[in-house]
Amino acid sequence: MKALAGALALVLPMLLQPAFAATEQQNKMATCNKDAGDKKGEERKAFMKDCLSSKPKVSEAQKAQQDKMKSCNAEAKGKTGDERKKFMSACLKKG
């Protein structure tokens, strides 16, 4: 009986998980498919090609954050460990 309970404890979590998680490409395909709406034929084919090959748009806020991160990383050159962590934290917080 204990062996059965042990086996069940190992197998049950696997059964409760989804079979697989959608990949980024699958999510993009679903989004493009939804955005294509009622397009048909060549129009749909062209739309899907453009949609699937496009890179995600980066907002101005995201771009500003990326630029700030690059700048702080450049200034942190030579710092390691806790010193670097403290510097990066302070650098990224300043406006």
C-alpha atoms as a PDB file:
ATOM      1  CA  MET A   1       0.000   0.000   0.000  1.00  0.00           C
ATOM      2  CA  LYS A   2       2.860   2.372   0.840  1.00  0.00           C
ATOM      3  CA  ALA A   3       4.495   1.627  -2.509  1.00  0.00           C
ATOM      4  CA  LEU A   4       1.287   2.501  -4.335  1.00  0.00           C
ATOM      5  CA  ALA A   5       0.958   5.769  -2.397  1.00  0.00           C
ATOM      6  CA  GLY A   6       4.597   6.603  -3.168  1.00  0.00           C
ATOM      7  CA  ALA A   7       4.162   5.913  -6.862  1.00  0.00           C
ATOM      8  CA  LEU A   8       0.978   7.962  -6.942  1.00  0.00           C
ATOM      9  CA  ALA A   9       2.769  10.850  -5.225  1.00  0.00           C
ATOM     10  CA  LEU A  10       5.379  10.805  -8.004  1.00  0.00           C
ATOM     11  CA  VAL A  11       2.965  10.457 -10.919  1.00  0.00           C
ATOM     12  CA  LEU A  12       0.128  12.736  -9.804  1.00  0.00           C
ATOM     13  CA  PRO A  13       2.018  16.060 -10.178  1.00  0.00           C
ATOM     14  CA  MET A  14       2.987  15.102 -13.747  1.00  0.00           C
ATOM     15  CA  LEU A  15      -0.634  14.393 -14.623  1.00  0.00           C
ATOM     16  CA  LEU A  16      -1.813  17.734 -13.279  1.00  0.00           C
ATOM     17  CA  GLN A  17       0.654  19.780 -15.353  1.00  0.00           C
ATOM     18  CA  PRO A  18      -0.328  20.853 -18.868  1.00  0.00           C
ATOM     19  CA  ALA A  19       0.980  18.587 -21.607  1.00  0.00           C
ATOM     20  CA  PHE A  20       3.289  21.364 -22.841  1.00  0.00           C
ATOM     21  CA  ALA A  21       3.637  25.109 -22.534  1.00  0.00           C
ATOM     22  CA  ALA A  22       3.124  27.208 -25.637  1.00  0.00           C
ATOM     23  CA  THR A  23       6.356  28.497 -27.101  1.00  0.00           C
ATOM     24  CA  GLU A  24       6.924  32.151 -27.916  1.00  0.00           C
ATOM     25  CA  GLN A  25       6.486  31.364 -31.627  1.00  0.00           C
ATOM     26  CA  GLN A  26       3.194  29.575 -30.952  1.00  0.00           C
ATOM     27  CA  ASN A  27       1.961  32.566 -28.964  1.00  0.00           C
ATOM     28  CA  LYS A  28       2.986  34.893 -31.796  1.00  0.00           C
ATOM     29  CA  MET A  29       1.174  32.671 -34.309  1.00  0.00           C
ATOM     30  CA  ALA A  30      -2.006  32.790 -32.216  1.00  0.00           C
ATOM     31  CA  THR A  31      -1.808  36.586 -31.934  1.00  0.00           C
ATOM     32  CA  CYS A  32      -1.176  37.069 -35.661  1.00  0.00           C
ATOM     33  CA  ASN A  33      -3.960  34.636 -36.495  1.00  0.00           C
ATOM     34  CA  LYS A  34      -6.368  36.622 -34.313  1.00  0.00           C
ATOM     35  CA  ASP A  35      -5.208  39.939 -35.816  1.00  0.00           C
ATOM     36  CA  ALA A  36      -5.666  38.582 -39.360  1.00  0.00           C
ATOM     37  CA  GLY A  37      -9.411  38.550 -38.742  1.00  0.00           C
ATOM     38  CA  ASP A  38     -11.442  37.884 -41.893  1.00  0.00           C
ATOM     39  CA  LYS A  39      -8.566  38.277 -44.360  1.00  0.00           C
ATOM     40  CA  LYS A  40      -8.440  35.504 -46.957  1.00  0.00           C
ATOM     41  CA  GLY A  41      -6.177  34.233 -49.699  1.00  0.00           C
ATOM     42  CA  GLU A  42      -3.143  36.261 -50.721  1.00  0.00           C
ATOM     43  CA  GLU A  43      -4.066  39.149 -48.418  1.00  0.00           C
ATOM     44  CA  ARG A  44      -4.043  36.821 -45.388  1.00  0.00           C
ATOM     45  CA  LYS A  45      -0.862  35.106 -46.528  1.00  0.00           C
ATOM     46  CA  ALA A  46       0.940  38.457 -46.890  1.00  0.00           C
ATOM     47  CA  PHE A  47      -0.393  39.691 -43.536  1.00  0.00           C
ATOM     48  CA  MET A  48       0.701  36.530 -41.706  1.00  0.00           C
ATOM     49  CA  LYS A  49       4.147  36.652 -43.290  1.00  0.00           C
ATOM     50  CA  ASP A  50       4.672  40.252 -42.169  1.00  0.00           C
ATOM     51  CA  CYS A  51       3.191  39.659 -38.739  1.00  0.00           C
ATOM     52  CA  LEU A  52       5.227  36.538 -37.989  1.00  0.00           C
ATOM     53  CA  SER A  53       8.488  38.029 -39.219  1.00  0.00           C
ATOM     54  CA  SER A  54       8.119  41.342 -37.389  1.00  0.00           C
ATOM     55  CA  LYS A  55       9.984  41.986 -34.177  1.00  0.00           C
ATOM     56  CA  PRO A  56       8.039  43.061 -31.114  1.00  0.00           C
ATOM     57  CA  LYS A  57       7.650  46.810 -30.804  1.00  0.00           C
ATOM     58  CA  VAL A  58       9.667  48.402 -28.010  1.00  0.00           C
ATOM     59  CA  SER A  59       7.948  51.227 -26.161  1.00  0.00           C
ATOM     60  CA  GLU A  60       9.727  54.491 -25.392  1.00  0.00           C
ATOM     61  CA  ALA A  61       9.762  53.553 -21.699  1.00  0.00           C
ATOM     62  CA  GLN A  62      11.381  50.184 -22.485  1.00  0.00           C
ATOM     63  CA  LYS A  63      13.929  51.863 -24.735  1.00  0.00           C
ATOM     64  CA  ALA A  64      14.755  54.418 -22.026  1.00  0.00           C
ATOM     65  CA  GLN A  65      15.204  51.595 -19.485  1.00  0.00           C
ATOM     66  CA  GLN A  66      17.469  49.674 -21.882  1.00  0.00           C
ATOM     67  CA  ASP A  67      19.558  52.800 -22.493  1.00  0.00           C
ATOM     68  CA  LYS A  68      19.826  53.418 -18.752  1.00  0.00           C
ATOM     69  CA  MET A  69      20.922  49.801 -18.196  1.00  0.00           C
ATOM     70  CA  LYS A  70      23.614  50.116 -20.900  1.00  0.00           C
ATOM     71  CA  SER A  71      24.877  53.344 -19.373  1.00  0.00           C
ATOM     72  CA  CYS A  72      24.987  51.936 -15.833  1.00  0.00           C
ATOM     73  CA  ASN A  73      26.727  48.769 -17.069  1.00  0.00           C
ATOM     74  CA  ALA A  74      29.403  50.878 -18.747  1.00  0.00           C
ATOM     75  CA  GLU A  75      29.928  52.907 -15.565  1.00  0.00           C
ATOM     76  CA  ALA A  76      30.085  49.730 -13.446  1.00  0.00           C
ATOM     77  CA  LYS A  77      33.027  48.355 -15.401  1.00  0.00           C
ATOM     78  CA  GLY A  78      35.616  46.932 -12.995  1.00  0.00           C
ATOM     79  CA  LYS A  79      33.194  46.583 -10.074  1.00  0.00           C
ATOM     80  CA  THR A  80      32.294  43.082  -8.876  1.00  0.00           C
ATOM     81  CA  GLY A  81      30.106  41.349  -6.315  1.00  0.00           C
ATOM     82  CA  ASP A  82      28.291  43.423  -3.717  1.00  0.00           C
ATOM     83  CA  GLU A  83      30.019  46.606  -4.840  1.00  0.00           C
ATOM     84  CA  ARG A  84      28.580  46.161  -8.352  1.00  0.00           C
ATOM     85  CA  LYS A  85      25.113  45.245  -7.038  1.00  0.00           C
ATOM     86  CA  LYS A  86      24.963  48.371  -4.861  1.00  0.00           C
ATOM     87  CA  PHE A  87      26.240  50.582  -7.668  1.00  0.00           C
ATOM     88  CA  MET A  88      23.795  49.182 -10.234  1.00  0.00           C
ATOM     89  CA  SER A  89      20.885  49.515  -7.833  1.00  0.00           C
ATOM     90  CA  ALA A  90      21.695  53.162  -7.118  1.00  0.00           C
ATOM     91  CA  CYS A  91      22.458  53.933 -10.768  1.00  0.00           C
ATOM     92  CA  LEU A  92      19.197  52.458 -12.054  1.00  0.00           C
ATOM     93  CA  LYS A  93      17.137  54.258  -9.383  1.00  0.00           C
ATOM     94  CA  LYS A  94      18.436  57.732 -10.133  1.00  0.00           C
ATOM     95  CA  GLY A  95      16.347  59.719 -12.545  1.00  0.00           C
END
